[in-house]
Amino acid sequence: MSTSETQKRKYAIGVVGTGEEGTALINKLTQLGHDVCIAHAGSPEALKGLEKQTQAKPKETAEVAKEADLLFLSIPMKEVQNLPKELTDTCPKNCIIVDVCNYFPSRDGKIKEIEDGMPESVWVSKQLGKPVIKALNTILTECLENCGRPKNASDRIAVPISGDDPTAKNMIVELVDSMGFDAYDAGDLALSWRLQPGSPVYGTNLDLKQLIPSLSRANKEAMPRLRDEAYRKMTESDKHLNWQEMVKMLRETFEDQEKELGKSELNKSSATSGGQQNQQQTQQQAASETQA
């Protein structure tokens, strides 16, 4: 099946999470003509307004993926472990689960495995007992809903995707492309930490040429600090950043980190150079004293 034929296919999709990000995703998917069922922590009746707005069908969380080709999780990371077991037990065998979640300790509380270095989506996969694809977590809500562009547009945003199943990733790549974004295969799920908050690709609206080298610049040790700093700025009560301001802030946060790392490397280099020079002088002095 060609890419264009696949993009025309309409999927049965379940979405868990109806916050800002989840609602933007639901809007996007229903606008593309997909058959979308939705669920959240409350009752289906509480989603009647969103149903009227999008034509998506409210369901109980345990039932939202019973007939789904795709299941999107767009909830706070801490809620993943509270999802009903029936959600994944009753979904079709070939249903692809897409993790759109992000981990923010100040919101989610500290999750030990993630704090110890486990990639967020690996942790999600372990909680569910199912493989997942990491996608669409790097793009801000307003951009997801409003910044899709035609193929080959100069300002088309690139979206990285990680996962272990090539066939599943290809389906998500094609779906993301139909949303108006350039999807990029960023490797297996073990490498999905490069997509997490604090990475240079998180919320920075890079195009494909910028995205590829930026993935290799992700600094795993520095990312938690950058994530927390950015989240604090995004949620400060006395400020409300629009999406352009958020993109600018996230880019500047990472650029400042690179400058600091550059200075640190320069200092290390100078210290190493100075140490080598001192060692050479000591050796020369010892040689002179021996000759004397």
Protein backbone atom coordinates (compact mmCIF):
# COMPACT_ATOMS: atom_id res chain seq x y z
CA MET A 1 0.00 0.00 0.00
CA SER A 2 1.42 3.41 -0.97
CA THR A 3 1.84 6.27 1.50
CA SER A 4 -0.96 8.27 -0.13
CA GLU A 5 -3.32 5.27 0.06
CA THR A 6 -2.43 4.70 3.73
CA GLN A 7 -3.04 8.34 4.57
CA LYS A 8 -6.53 8.09 3.10
CA ARG A 9 -7.36 5.17 5.40
CA LYS A 10 -9.62 6.11 8.28
CA TYR A 11 -8.69 4.58 11.62
CA ALA A 12 -10.68 3.67 14.69
CA ILE A 13 -8.86 5.61 17.40
CA GLY A 14 -9.17 5.74 21.16
CA VAL A 15 -7.86 8.76 23.07
CA VAL A 16 -7.43 8.72 26.84
CA GLY A 17 -7.08 12.25 28.16
CA THR A 18 -9.17 15.32 27.38
CA GLY A 19 -7.00 18.09 28.78
CA GLU A 20 -5.63 20.79 26.49
CA GLU A 21 -3.22 18.46 24.68
CA GLY A 22 -5.74 15.63 24.44
CA THR A 23 -8.46 17.95 23.14
CA ALA A 24 -6.13 19.37 20.49
CA LEU A 25 -5.30 15.81 19.40
CA ILE A 26 -8.98 14.84 19.31
CA ASN A 27 -9.81 17.92 17.21
CA LYS A 28 -7.03 17.11 14.77
CA LEU A 29 -7.98 13.44 14.38
CA THR A 30 -11.71 14.06 13.94
CA GLN A 31 -11.02 16.82 11.40
CA LEU A 32 -9.11 14.22 9.38
CA GLY A 33 -12.19 12.00 9.41
CA HIS A 34 -11.05 9.29 11.81
CA ASP A 35 -13.55 7.47 14.03
CA VAL A 36 -12.51 8.67 17.49
CA CYS A 37 -13.63 7.46 20.92
CA ILE A 38 -12.60 9.46 23.98
CA ALA A 39 -12.27 8.90 27.72
CA HIS A 40 -11.02 10.68 30.80
CA ALA A 41 -10.91 10.19 34.56
CA GLY A 42 -14.55 11.23 34.95
CA SER A 43 -17.78 9.89 33.50
CA PRO A 44 -18.55 9.78 29.76
CA GLU A 45 -21.50 12.11 30.39
CA ALA A 46 -19.07 14.89 31.32
CA LEU A 47 -17.68 14.77 27.77
CA LYS A 48 -20.94 15.57 25.98
CA GLY A 49 -19.75 19.08 25.18
CA LEU A 50 -16.57 17.77 23.56
CA GLU A 51 -18.65 15.20 21.69
CA LYS A 52 -20.82 17.96 20.25
CA GLN A 53 -17.74 19.99 19.31
CA THR A 54 -15.76 17.16 17.67
CA GLN A 55 -18.18 14.26 17.01
CA ALA A 56 -15.87 12.01 19.06
CA LYS A 57 -17.72 9.37 21.09
CA PRO A 58 -17.36 9.38 24.91
CA LYS A 59 -16.63 6.01 26.51
CA GLU A 60 -15.54 4.55 29.82
CA THR A 61 -11.73 4.38 29.92
CA ALA A 62 -11.78 0.57 30.06
CA GLU A 63 -13.82 0.46 26.83
CA VAL A 64 -12.31 3.25 24.75
CA ALA A 65 -9.94 0.98 22.80
CA LYS A 66 -12.04 -2.19 22.39
CA GLU A 67 -12.19 -1.76 18.62
CA ALA A 68 -9.30 0.63 18.13
CA ASP A 69 -6.54 0.49 15.55
CA LEU A 70 -4.69 3.12 17.57
CA LEU A 71 -4.79 4.16 21.22
CA PHE A 72 -3.36 7.54 22.25
CA LEU A 73 -2.46 8.27 25.88
CA SER A 74 -2.44 12.01 26.61
CA ILE A 75 -2.52 12.18 30.40
CA PRO A 76 -0.20 13.25 33.22
CA MET A 77 2.55 10.64 33.59
CA LYS A 78 1.50 9.82 37.16
CA GLU A 79 -1.92 8.65 35.91
CA VAL A 80 -0.53 5.93 33.65
CA GLN A 81 -0.17 3.51 36.56
CA ASN A 82 -3.83 4.13 37.48
CA LEU A 83 -5.28 3.14 34.11
CA PRO A 84 -7.65 0.18 34.32
CA LYS A 85 -6.06 -3.11 33.29
CA GLU A 86 -9.07 -3.75 31.03
CA LEU A 87 -7.96 -0.88 28.79
CA THR A 88 -5.06 -2.84 27.32
CA ASP A 89 -6.45 -6.33 28.01
CA THR A 90 -9.47 -5.75 25.78
CA CYS A 91 -7.92 -3.75 22.95
CA PRO A 92 -7.26 -5.64 19.70
CA LYS A 93 -3.98 -7.55 19.45
CA ASN A 94 -2.64 -5.29 16.71
CA CYS A 95 -3.74 -2.01 18.33
CA ILE A 96 -0.84 0.46 18.37
CA ILE A 97 -0.46 2.37 21.64
CA VAL A 98 0.96 5.87 21.26
CA ASP A 99 2.48 7.55 24.31
CA VAL A 100 2.02 11.33 24.15
CA CYS A 101 2.73 11.81 27.87
CA ASN A 102 5.51 13.88 29.44
CA TYR A 103 7.00 13.62 32.92
CA PHE A 104 7.19 16.71 35.13
CA PRO A 105 8.09 15.80 38.75
CA SER A 106 6.63 19.00 40.17
CA ARG A 107 3.25 17.92 38.72
CA ASP A 108 3.52 14.12 38.74
CA GLY A 109 5.59 13.55 41.87
CA LYS A 110 8.88 11.71 41.54
CA ILE A 111 8.80 8.36 39.77
CA LYS A 112 11.86 6.44 40.93
CA GLU A 113 12.55 4.45 37.77
CA ILE A 114 12.45 7.58 35.61
CA GLU A 115 14.53 9.52 38.13
CA ASP A 116 17.08 6.69 37.93
CA GLY A 117 17.35 7.10 34.17
CA MET A 118 14.69 4.86 32.63
CA PRO A 119 13.24 6.55 29.51
CA GLU A 120 9.71 7.74 30.22
CA SER A 121 8.11 5.67 27.46
CA VAL A 122 9.97 2.52 28.54
CA TRP A 123 8.38 3.06 31.96
CA VAL A 124 4.95 3.57 30.35
CA SER A 125 5.37 0.36 28.36
CA LYS A 126 6.26 -1.54 31.54
CA GLN A 127 3.19 -0.18 33.36
CA LEU A 128 0.91 -1.25 30.52
CA GLY A 129 2.65 -4.54 29.76
CA LYS A 130 2.45 -3.56 26.08
CA PRO A 131 4.82 -2.01 23.52
CA VAL A 132 4.31 1.69 22.83
CA ILE A 133 5.34 4.26 20.26
CA LYS A 134 6.52 7.67 21.53
CA ALA A 135 5.11 10.46 19.37
CA LEU A 136 3.62 13.97 19.40
CA ASN A 137 4.87 14.73 22.91
CA THR A 138 7.40 17.29 21.62
CA ILE A 139 4.91 19.68 20.07
CA LEU A 140 3.03 22.31 22.09
CA THR A 141 -0.77 22.15 22.25
CA GLU A 142 -1.48 25.26 20.16
CA CYS A 143 1.06 24.18 17.55
CA LEU A 144 -0.44 20.69 17.29
CA GLU A 145 -3.84 22.17 16.56
CA ASN A 146 -2.89 25.16 14.41
CA CYS A 147 0.60 24.77 12.90
CA GLY A 148 0.15 21.90 10.46
CA ARG A 149 1.46 22.77 7.00
CA PRO A 150 1.36 21.22 3.51
CA LYS A 151 4.17 18.88 2.54
CA ASN A 152 7.39 20.70 1.54
CA ALA A 153 6.28 23.98 3.19
CA SER A 154 9.34 25.88 4.42
CA ASP A 155 7.90 26.29 7.94
CA ARG A 156 6.73 22.68 8.41
CA ILE A 157 7.50 21.48 11.95
CA ALA A 158 9.27 18.13 12.37
CA VAL A 159 8.04 15.57 14.91
CA PRO A 160 10.37 12.78 16.15
CA ILE A 161 8.99 9.29 16.77
CA SER A 162 10.55 6.40 18.71
CA GLY A 163 9.56 2.75 19.02
CA ASP A 164 10.64 -0.82 18.47
CA ASP A 165 8.10 -1.96 15.85
CA PRO A 166 8.96 -0.64 12.35
CA THR A 167 5.46 -1.36 10.98
CA ALA A 168 3.78 0.49 13.85
CA LYS A 169 6.18 3.41 13.47
CA ASN A 170 5.46 3.63 9.74
CA MET A 171 1.73 3.95 10.47
CA ILE A 172 2.35 6.76 12.95
CA VAL A 173 4.80 8.48 10.58
CA GLU A 174 2.09 8.52 7.90
CA LEU A 175 -0.58 9.72 10.33
CA VAL A 176 1.65 12.55 11.59
CA ASP A 177 2.39 13.53 7.99
CA SER A 178 -1.36 13.72 7.30
CA MET A 179 -1.64 16.11 10.28
CA GLY A 180 0.73 18.53 8.56
CA PHE A 181 4.06 17.70 10.21
CA ASP A 182 7.29 16.04 9.06
CA ALA A 183 7.64 12.81 11.03
CA TYR A 184 11.15 11.51 11.70
CA ASP A 185 12.09 8.05 12.92
CA ALA A 186 14.27 8.78 15.96
CA GLY A 187 15.19 5.17 16.72
CA ASP A 188 14.00 2.54 19.15
CA LEU A 189 12.21 3.12 22.43
CA ALA A 190 15.44 3.00 24.45
CA LEU A 191 16.45 6.21 22.64
CA SER A 192 13.15 7.96 23.32
CA TRP A 193 14.75 9.91 26.21
CA ARG A 194 15.98 12.29 23.49
CA LEU A 195 12.33 13.34 22.94
CA GLN A 196 11.64 14.15 26.59
CA PRO A 197 11.28 17.62 28.12
CA GLY A 198 14.69 19.22 28.51
CA SER A 199 15.80 18.00 25.10
CA PRO A 200 16.58 20.54 22.35
CA VAL A 201 13.72 19.04 20.30
CA TYR A 202 11.03 19.50 22.99
CA GLY A 203 8.68 22.38 22.15
CA THR A 204 11.19 24.16 19.92
CA ASN A 205 9.35 23.81 16.57
CA LEU A 206 12.38 22.69 14.57
CA ASP A 207 12.18 21.78 10.92
CA LEU A 208 13.57 18.46 9.70
CA LYS A 209 17.05 19.81 8.91
CA GLN A 210 17.30 21.29 12.41
CA LEU A 211 15.73 18.32 14.20
CA ILE A 212 18.15 15.61 13.10
CA PRO A 213 21.37 17.17 14.51
CA SER A 214 19.48 18.46 17.56
CA LEU A 215 18.59 14.91 18.61
CA SER A 216 22.29 14.07 18.84
CA ARG A 217 22.86 17.18 21.01
CA ALA A 218 20.45 16.04 23.73
CA ASN A 219 22.36 15.89 27.03
CA LYS A 220 20.83 13.22 29.28
CA GLU A 221 22.52 14.51 32.43
CA ALA A 222 21.45 18.14 31.90
CA MET A 223 17.90 17.44 30.71
CA PRO A 224 16.18 17.08 34.13
CA ARG A 225 17.41 20.51 35.21
CA LEU A 226 16.41 22.08 31.90
CA ARG A 227 13.00 20.38 32.08
CA ASP A 228 12.33 21.70 35.57
CA GLU A 229 13.51 25.20 34.69
CA ALA A 230 11.31 25.32 31.59
CA TYR A 231 8.27 23.94 33.43
CA ARG A 232 8.67 26.58 36.14
CA LYS A 233 8.71 29.32 33.51
CA MET A 234 5.72 27.83 31.66
CA THR A 235 3.60 27.61 34.78
CA GLU A 236 4.51 30.80 36.64
CA SER A 237 1.24 32.19 38.02
CA ASP A 238 1.98 35.80 37.11
CA LYS A 239 2.72 35.06 33.46
CA HIS A 240 0.85 33.40 30.64
CA LEU A 241 3.14 32.67 27.73
CA ASN A 242 1.59 32.24 24.31
CA TRP A 243 2.98 29.45 22.14
CA GLN A 244 5.43 31.75 20.31
CA GLU A 245 6.84 32.92 23.65
CA MET A 246 7.07 29.34 24.89
CA VAL A 247 8.98 28.23 21.80
CA LYS A 248 11.36 31.18 22.20
CA MET A 249 11.84 30.45 25.92
CA LEU A 250 12.52 26.74 25.32
CA ARG A 251 15.04 27.49 22.59
CA GLU A 252 16.81 30.04 24.78
CA THR A 253 16.87 27.65 27.74
CA PHE A 254 18.70 25.05 25.69
CA GLU A 255 21.01 27.58 24.02
CA ASP A 256 22.03 28.92 27.45
CA GLN A 257 22.84 25.36 28.53
CA GLU A 258 25.01 24.82 25.46
CA LYS A 259 26.91 28.01 26.20
CA GLU A 260 27.51 26.84 29.77
CA LEU A 261 28.69 23.44 28.55
CA GLY A 262 30.93 25.14 26.02
CA LYS A 263 32.54 27.25 28.74
CA SER A 264 32.91 24.18 30.94
CA GLU A 265 34.63 22.25 28.15
CA LEU A 266 36.88 25.24 27.45
CA ASN A 267 37.83 25.44 31.13
CA LYS A 268 38.55 21.71 31.20
CA SER A 269 40.67 22.06 28.09
CA SER A 270 42.57 24.99 29.61
CA ALA A 271 43.08 23.10 32.86
CA THR A 272 44.31 20.04 30.96
CA SER A 273 46.62 22.19 28.85
CA GLY A 274 47.91 23.97 31.92
CA GLY A 275 48.48 20.68 33.71
CA GLN A 276 50.39 19.26 30.76
CA GLN A 277 52.49 22.42 30.56
CA ASN A 278 53.28 22.25 34.29
CA GLN A 279 54.18 18.58 33.93
CA GLN A 280 56.53 19.37 31.04
CA GLN A 281 58.17 22.16 33.07
CA THR A 282 58.62 19.82 36.04
CA GLN A 283 60.17 17.16 33.81
CA GLN A 284 62.51 19.73 32.21
CA GLN A 285 63.51 21.02 35.67
CA ALA A 286 64.18 17.47 36.87
CA ALA A 287 66.30 16.77 33.81
CA SER A 288 68.35 19.95 34.39
CA GLU A 289 68.93 19.06 38.05
CA THR A 290 70.06 15.56 37.04
CA GLN A 291 72.52 16.94 34.49
CA ALA A 292 73.85 19.36 37.11
